[in-house]
Amino acid sequence: MARLVGTYECEWKKTIEDPEQLKRFRHFINSDATDDNVVFVSERQQIRPALESEKSLIATSA
């Protein structure tokens, strides 16, 4: 168990810290375009994906 705990690596943290691996996480692999369907809202000083009901409110206020 000690060996397992000692060799543990968080895969997400490792990916976030590696710019080459981070490049793989885009909406479209062959384009720098963003996905207009993905909308974020601020909650507790962080962003989160908007709920469907929030998306319609954002669209009507824009």
C-alpha atoms as a PDB file:
ATOM      1  CA  MET A   1       0.000   0.000   0.000  1.00  0.00           C
ATOM      2  CA  ALA A   2       2.846   2.382   0.834  1.00  0.00           C
ATOM      3  CA  ARG A   3       4.350   1.850  -2.643  1.00  0.00           C
ATOM      4  CA  LEU A   4       1.002   2.603  -4.257  1.00  0.00           C
ATOM      5  CA  VAL A   5       0.549   5.798  -2.237  1.00  0.00           C
ATOM      6  CA  GLY A   6       4.158   6.823  -2.895  1.00  0.00           C
ATOM      7  CA  THR A   7       3.872   6.446  -6.669  1.00  0.00           C
ATOM      8  CA  TYR A   8       0.441   8.051  -7.074  1.00  0.00           C
ATOM      9  CA  GLU A   9       0.131  10.763  -9.736  1.00  0.00           C
ATOM     10  CA  CYS A  10      -3.000  12.761 -10.435  1.00  0.00           C
ATOM     11  CA  GLU A  11      -3.557  12.347 -14.177  1.00  0.00           C
ATOM     12  CA  TRP A  12      -5.554  15.570 -14.436  1.00  0.00           C
ATOM     13  CA  LYS A  13      -2.937  17.649 -12.609  1.00  0.00           C
ATOM     14  CA  LYS A  14      -0.184  16.135 -14.745  1.00  0.00           C
ATOM     15  CA  THR A  15      -2.107  16.989 -17.931  1.00  0.00           C
ATOM     16  CA  ILE A  16      -2.886  20.561 -16.832  1.00  0.00           C
ATOM     17  CA  GLU A  17       0.809  21.150 -16.146  1.00  0.00           C
ATOM     18  CA  ASP A  18       1.934  19.800 -19.557  1.00  0.00           C
ATOM     19  CA  PRO A  19       1.271  22.305 -22.386  1.00  0.00           C
ATOM     20  CA  GLU A  20       1.633  19.616 -25.065  1.00  0.00           C
ATOM     21  CA  GLN A  21      -1.014  17.381 -23.500  1.00  0.00           C
ATOM     22  CA  LEU A  22      -3.229  20.359 -22.716  1.00  0.00           C
ATOM     23  CA  LYS A  23      -3.395  21.207 -26.438  1.00  0.00           C
ATOM     24  CA  ARG A  24      -5.410  18.008 -26.956  1.00  0.00           C
ATOM     25  CA  PHE A  25      -8.332  19.391 -24.941  1.00  0.00           C
ATOM     26  CA  ARG A  26     -10.082  21.698 -27.406  1.00  0.00           C
ATOM     27  CA  HIS A  27     -13.598  21.741 -28.770  1.00  0.00           C
ATOM     28  CA  PHE A  28     -12.451  20.952 -32.293  1.00  0.00           C
ATOM     29  CA  ILE A  29      -9.126  19.206 -32.821  1.00  0.00           C
ATOM     30  CA  ASN A  30      -8.512  20.757 -36.254  1.00  0.00           C
ATOM     31  CA  SER A  31      -9.667  24.295 -35.467  1.00  0.00           C
ATOM     32  CA  ASP A  32      -9.140  27.073 -32.945  1.00  0.00           C
ATOM     33  CA  ALA A  33     -12.856  27.909 -33.123  1.00  0.00           C
ATOM     34  CA  THR A  34     -14.875  27.696 -29.928  1.00  0.00           C
ATOM     35  CA  ASP A  35     -18.206  25.971 -29.428  1.00  0.00           C
ATOM     36  CA  ASP A  36     -21.020  28.538 -29.156  1.00  0.00           C
ATOM     37  CA  ASN A  37     -23.128  25.986 -27.308  1.00  0.00           C
ATOM     38  CA  VAL A  38     -20.732  26.031 -24.354  1.00  0.00           C
ATOM     39  CA  VAL A  39     -21.618  28.979 -22.135  1.00  0.00           C
ATOM     40  CA  PHE A  40     -20.164  29.652 -18.714  1.00  0.00           C
ATOM     41  CA  VAL A  41     -21.673  31.557 -15.809  1.00  0.00           C
ATOM     42  CA  SER A  42     -19.969  32.837 -12.686  1.00  0.00           C
ATOM     43  CA  GLU A  43     -20.786  31.162  -9.389  1.00  0.00           C
ATOM     44  CA  ARG A  44     -18.869  31.674  -6.132  1.00  0.00           C
ATOM     45  CA  GLN A  45     -16.068  33.446  -8.016  1.00  0.00           C
ATOM     46  CA  GLN A  46     -15.600  30.471 -10.367  1.00  0.00           C
ATOM     47  CA  ILE A  47     -17.036  29.565 -13.746  1.00  0.00           C
ATOM     48  CA  ARG A  48     -19.303  26.629 -14.452  1.00  0.00           C
ATOM     49  CA  PRO A  49     -21.255  25.494 -17.501  1.00  0.00           C
ATOM     50  CA  ALA A  50     -24.600  27.274 -17.780  1.00  0.00           C
ATOM     51  CA  LEU A  51     -27.812  25.316 -17.349  1.00  0.00           C
ATOM     52  CA  GLU A  52     -30.188  25.266 -20.319  1.00  0.00           C
ATOM     53  CA  SER A  53     -32.476  27.730 -18.539  1.00  0.00           C
ATOM     54  CA  GLU A  54     -29.540  30.085 -17.934  1.00  0.00           C
ATOM     55  CA  LYS A  55     -28.440  29.878 -21.572  1.00  0.00           C
ATOM     56  CA  SER A  56     -31.799  31.197 -22.741  1.00  0.00           C
ATOM     57  CA  LEU A  57     -31.600  34.088 -20.246  1.00  0.00           C
ATOM     58  CA  ILE A  58     -28.112  34.987 -21.451  1.00  0.00           C
ATOM     59  CA  ALA A  59     -29.193  34.840 -25.114  1.00  0.00           C
ATOM     60  CA  THR A  60     -32.147  37.170 -24.558  1.00  0.00           C
ATOM     61  CA  SER A  61     -30.097  39.717 -22.591  1.00  0.00           C
ATOM     62  CA  ALA A  62     -27.297  39.896 -25.177  1.00  0.00           C
END
